[in-house]
Amino acid sequence: MERVYVIPLRKVKDVPRTIRSPRAIRYIKEFIGKHMKAEDIKIDASVNEKVWERGIQKVPPKIKVKAIKDEDGTVAVTLVE
């Protein structure tokens, strides 16, 4: 199964500036886990680089990702260009 999601990261702006990017990565994992109904989620390095692109404080307002679920239930998350 393959799906494309636009994940809003505006809620991450409500936390202190020094923990925004790590919180955004955790939020992406929660979002994909909820929508794809999966426990094991692998985030690609391109998604991580996009979130951390402007540092720990300036998270992008939204991110477009592609989630691919394997037969064994593992979800791979990659960046959509």
N, C-alpha and C. Protein backbone atom coordinates (compact mmCIF):
# COMPACT_ATOMS: atom_id res chain seq x y z
N MET A 1 0.85 -1.17 0.00
CA MET A 1 0.00 0.00 0.00
C MET A 1 0.90 1.24 0.00
N GLU A 2 0.52 2.22 -0.82
CA GLU A 2 1.33 3.43 -0.95
C GLU A 2 0.41 4.65 -0.89
N ARG A 3 0.75 5.60 -0.03
CA ARG A 3 -0.05 6.80 0.13
C ARG A 3 0.84 8.03 0.23
N VAL A 4 0.29 9.17 -0.19
CA VAL A 4 0.99 10.45 -0.07
C VAL A 4 0.22 11.31 0.92
N TYR A 5 0.95 11.86 1.89
CA TYR A 5 0.35 12.70 2.92
C TYR A 5 1.03 14.05 2.96
N VAL A 6 0.25 15.09 3.27
CA VAL A 6 0.80 16.40 3.62
C VAL A 6 0.61 16.54 5.12
N ILE A 7 1.70 16.50 5.85
CA ILE A 7 1.64 16.50 7.32
C ILE A 7 1.82 17.93 7.82
N PRO A 8 0.82 18.49 8.51
CA PRO A 8 0.97 19.84 9.05
C PRO A 8 1.86 19.82 10.29
N LEU A 9 2.81 20.72 10.33
CA LEU A 9 3.73 20.80 11.47
C LEU A 9 3.54 22.11 12.24
N ARG A 10 2.41 22.76 12.06
CA ARG A 10 2.14 24.03 12.75
C ARG A 10 2.05 23.85 14.27
N LYS A 11 1.56 22.70 14.73
CA LYS A 11 1.43 22.46 16.17
C LYS A 11 2.79 22.43 16.86
N VAL A 12 3.82 22.11 16.11
CA VAL A 12 5.16 22.02 16.68
C VAL A 12 5.67 23.40 17.08
N LYS A 13 5.11 24.45 16.49
CA LYS A 13 5.54 25.81 16.81
C LYS A 13 5.13 26.23 18.23
N ASP A 14 4.24 25.46 18.87
CA ASP A 14 3.78 25.80 20.21
C ASP A 14 4.73 25.32 21.31
N VAL A 15 5.72 24.51 20.97
CA VAL A 15 6.66 24.01 21.97
C VAL A 15 7.88 24.93 22.03
N PRO A 16 8.71 24.84 23.06
CA PRO A 16 9.90 25.68 23.13
C PRO A 16 10.81 25.52 21.92
N ARG A 17 11.51 26.60 21.58
CA ARG A 17 12.31 26.63 20.34
C ARG A 17 13.39 25.57 20.29
N THR A 18 13.91 25.18 21.43
CA THR A 18 15.06 24.28 21.44
C THR A 18 14.70 22.82 21.22
N ILE A 19 13.40 22.48 21.15
CA ILE A 19 13.03 21.07 20.95
C ILE A 19 12.09 20.89 19.76
N ARG A 20 12.01 21.88 18.86
CA ARG A 20 11.04 21.82 17.77
C ARG A 20 11.32 20.73 16.75
N SER A 21 12.53 20.63 16.25
CA SER A 21 12.81 19.62 15.22
C SER A 21 12.69 18.20 15.74
N PRO A 22 13.23 17.87 16.91
CA PRO A 22 13.00 16.52 17.43
C PRO A 22 11.52 16.21 17.65
N ARG A 23 10.76 17.20 18.09
CA ARG A 23 9.32 17.01 18.30
C ARG A 23 8.62 16.80 16.96
N ALA A 24 9.07 17.49 15.91
CA ALA A 24 8.47 17.33 14.58
C ALA A 24 8.68 15.92 14.06
N ILE A 25 9.86 15.33 14.28
CA ILE A 25 10.12 13.97 13.84
C ILE A 25 9.22 13.00 14.59
N ARG A 26 9.05 13.19 15.89
CA ARG A 26 8.14 12.33 16.65
C ARG A 26 6.70 12.49 16.19
N TYR A 27 6.31 13.72 15.84
CA TYR A 27 4.96 13.97 15.36
C TYR A 27 4.71 13.29 14.01
N ILE A 28 5.71 13.28 13.14
CA ILE A 28 5.59 12.60 11.85
C ILE A 28 5.39 11.10 12.08
N LYS A 29 6.14 10.52 13.01
CA LYS A 29 5.98 9.09 13.31
C LYS A 29 4.58 8.79 13.86
N GLU A 30 4.10 9.65 14.76
CA GLU A 30 2.75 9.47 15.30
C GLU A 30 1.69 9.57 14.21
N PHE A 31 1.82 10.55 13.34
CA PHE A 31 0.86 10.78 12.26
C PHE A 31 0.80 9.57 11.33
N ILE A 32 1.96 9.09 10.91
CA ILE A 32 2.01 7.93 10.00
C ILE A 32 1.49 6.69 10.71
N GLY A 33 1.84 6.50 11.96
CA GLY A 33 1.35 5.35 12.72
C GLY A 33 -0.16 5.35 12.84
N LYS A 34 -0.75 6.52 13.03
CA LYS A 34 -2.19 6.62 13.17
C LYS A 34 -2.91 6.38 11.84
N HIS A 35 -2.37 6.96 10.76
CA HIS A 35 -3.05 6.87 9.47
C HIS A 35 -2.79 5.57 8.71
N MET A 36 -1.63 4.96 8.92
CA MET A 36 -1.30 3.72 8.23
C MET A 36 -1.51 2.50 9.12
N LYS A 37 -1.88 2.73 10.39
CA LYS A 37 -2.12 1.65 11.35
C LYS A 37 -0.91 0.71 11.44
N ALA A 38 0.23 1.29 11.80
CA ALA A 38 1.48 0.53 11.86
C ALA A 38 2.25 0.89 13.12
N GLU A 39 3.05 -0.06 13.58
CA GLU A 39 3.90 0.15 14.75
C GLU A 39 5.33 0.49 14.33
N ASP A 40 5.85 -0.24 13.34
CA ASP A 40 7.24 -0.09 12.90
C ASP A 40 7.30 0.92 11.76
N ILE A 41 7.90 2.09 12.02
CA ILE A 41 7.96 3.16 11.03
C ILE A 41 9.42 3.55 10.83
N LYS A 42 9.85 3.55 9.57
CA LYS A 42 11.22 3.93 9.21
C LYS A 42 11.17 5.25 8.43
N ILE A 43 11.80 6.28 8.98
CA ILE A 43 11.83 7.59 8.33
C ILE A 43 13.13 7.71 7.55
N ASP A 44 13.02 8.08 6.29
CA ASP A 44 14.16 8.22 5.40
C ASP A 44 15.01 9.44 5.81
N ALA A 45 16.27 9.42 5.44
CA ALA A 45 17.17 10.53 5.77
C ALA A 45 16.73 11.83 5.09
N SER A 46 16.09 11.73 3.93
CA SER A 46 15.65 12.95 3.22
C SER A 46 14.58 13.70 4.01
N VAL A 47 13.69 12.97 4.68
CA VAL A 47 12.67 13.61 5.52
C VAL A 47 13.34 14.28 6.72
N ASN A 48 14.28 13.59 7.32
CA ASN A 48 15.00 14.15 8.47
C ASN A 48 15.76 15.41 8.07
N GLU A 49 16.41 15.39 6.91
CA GLU A 49 17.17 16.55 6.44
C GLU A 49 16.24 17.73 6.15
N LYS A 50 15.06 17.45 5.61
CA LYS A 50 14.10 18.52 5.31
C LYS A 50 13.63 19.20 6.60
N VAL A 51 13.36 18.42 7.63
CA VAL A 51 12.91 19.00 8.91
C VAL A 51 14.03 19.81 9.55
N TRP A 52 15.25 19.30 9.49
CA TRP A 52 16.39 19.95 10.14
C TRP A 52 17.08 20.97 9.23
N GLU A 53 16.53 21.23 8.05
CA GLU A 53 17.17 22.09 7.04
C GLU A 53 17.54 23.47 7.58
N ARG A 54 16.65 24.08 8.34
CA ARG A 54 16.87 25.44 8.85
C ARG A 54 17.20 25.44 10.34
N GLY A 55 17.59 24.29 10.86
CA GLY A 55 18.02 24.22 12.24
C GLY A 55 16.95 23.66 13.16
N ILE A 56 17.23 23.73 14.46
CA ILE A 56 16.35 23.13 15.45
C ILE A 56 15.12 24.00 15.71
N GLN A 57 15.20 25.30 15.45
CA GLN A 57 14.13 26.21 15.82
C GLN A 57 13.12 26.47 14.72
N LYS A 58 13.54 26.42 13.45
CA LYS A 58 12.67 26.83 12.34
C LYS A 58 12.21 25.60 11.55
N VAL A 59 11.15 24.99 12.01
CA VAL A 59 10.58 23.81 11.37
C VAL A 59 9.68 24.26 10.22
N PRO A 60 9.67 23.54 9.08
CA PRO A 60 8.76 23.92 8.00
C PRO A 60 7.30 23.80 8.45
N PRO A 61 6.40 24.62 7.90
CA PRO A 61 5.00 24.57 8.34
C PRO A 61 4.28 23.29 7.94
N LYS A 62 4.69 22.65 6.86
CA LYS A 62 4.12 21.37 6.44
C LYS A 62 5.16 20.62 5.62
N ILE A 63 4.94 19.31 5.51
CA ILE A 63 5.87 18.47 4.77
C ILE A 63 5.07 17.42 4.01
N LYS A 64 5.46 17.17 2.76
CA LYS A 64 4.76 16.20 1.92
C LYS A 64 5.61 14.94 1.84
N VAL A 65 5.02 13.82 2.28
CA VAL A 65 5.75 12.55 2.34
C VAL A 65 4.96 11.45 1.65
N LYS A 66 5.69 10.41 1.25
CA LYS A 66 5.08 9.20 0.69
C LYS A 66 5.35 8.06 1.65
N ALA A 67 4.29 7.36 2.05
CA ALA A 67 4.40 6.24 2.98
C ALA A 67 4.09 4.95 2.23
N ILE A 68 4.99 3.98 2.33
CA ILE A 68 4.83 2.69 1.67
C ILE A 68 4.83 1.61 2.74
N LYS A 69 3.73 0.85 2.79
CA LYS A 69 3.59 -0.21 3.78
C LYS A 69 3.91 -1.56 3.14
N ASP A 70 4.82 -2.31 3.76
CA ASP A 70 5.22 -3.62 3.27
C ASP A 70 4.25 -4.69 3.75
N GLU A 71 4.49 -5.92 3.31
CA GLU A 71 3.65 -7.06 3.70
C GLU A 71 3.75 -7.35 5.20
N ASP A 72 4.93 -7.14 5.77
CA ASP A 72 5.13 -7.45 7.19
C ASP A 72 4.68 -6.32 8.13
N GLY A 73 4.15 -5.22 7.58
CA GLY A 73 3.62 -4.14 8.41
C GLY A 73 4.57 -2.99 8.63
N THR A 74 5.76 -3.05 8.07
CA THR A 74 6.73 -1.97 8.20
C THR A 74 6.38 -0.85 7.22
N VAL A 75 6.43 0.39 7.70
CA VAL A 75 6.13 1.55 6.86
C VAL A 75 7.41 2.34 6.62
N ALA A 76 7.72 2.60 5.35
CA ALA A 76 8.87 3.41 4.97
C ALA A 76 8.37 4.77 4.53
N VAL A 77 8.90 5.82 5.13
CA VAL A 77 8.47 7.19 4.84
C VAL A 77 9.58 7.91 4.09
N THR A 78 9.25 8.43 2.89
CA THR A 78 10.22 9.17 2.09
C THR A 78 9.63 10.53 1.70
N LEU A 79 10.50 11.43 1.30
CA LEU A 79 10.09 12.77 0.92
C LEU A 79 9.58 12.78 -0.52
N VAL A 80 8.51 13.53 -0.78
CA VAL A 80 7.98 13.68 -2.14
C VAL A 80 8.52 14.99 -2.70
N GLU A 81 9.08 14.94 -3.88
CA GLU A 81 9.61 16.16 -4.51
C GLU A 81 8.68 16.64 -5.59
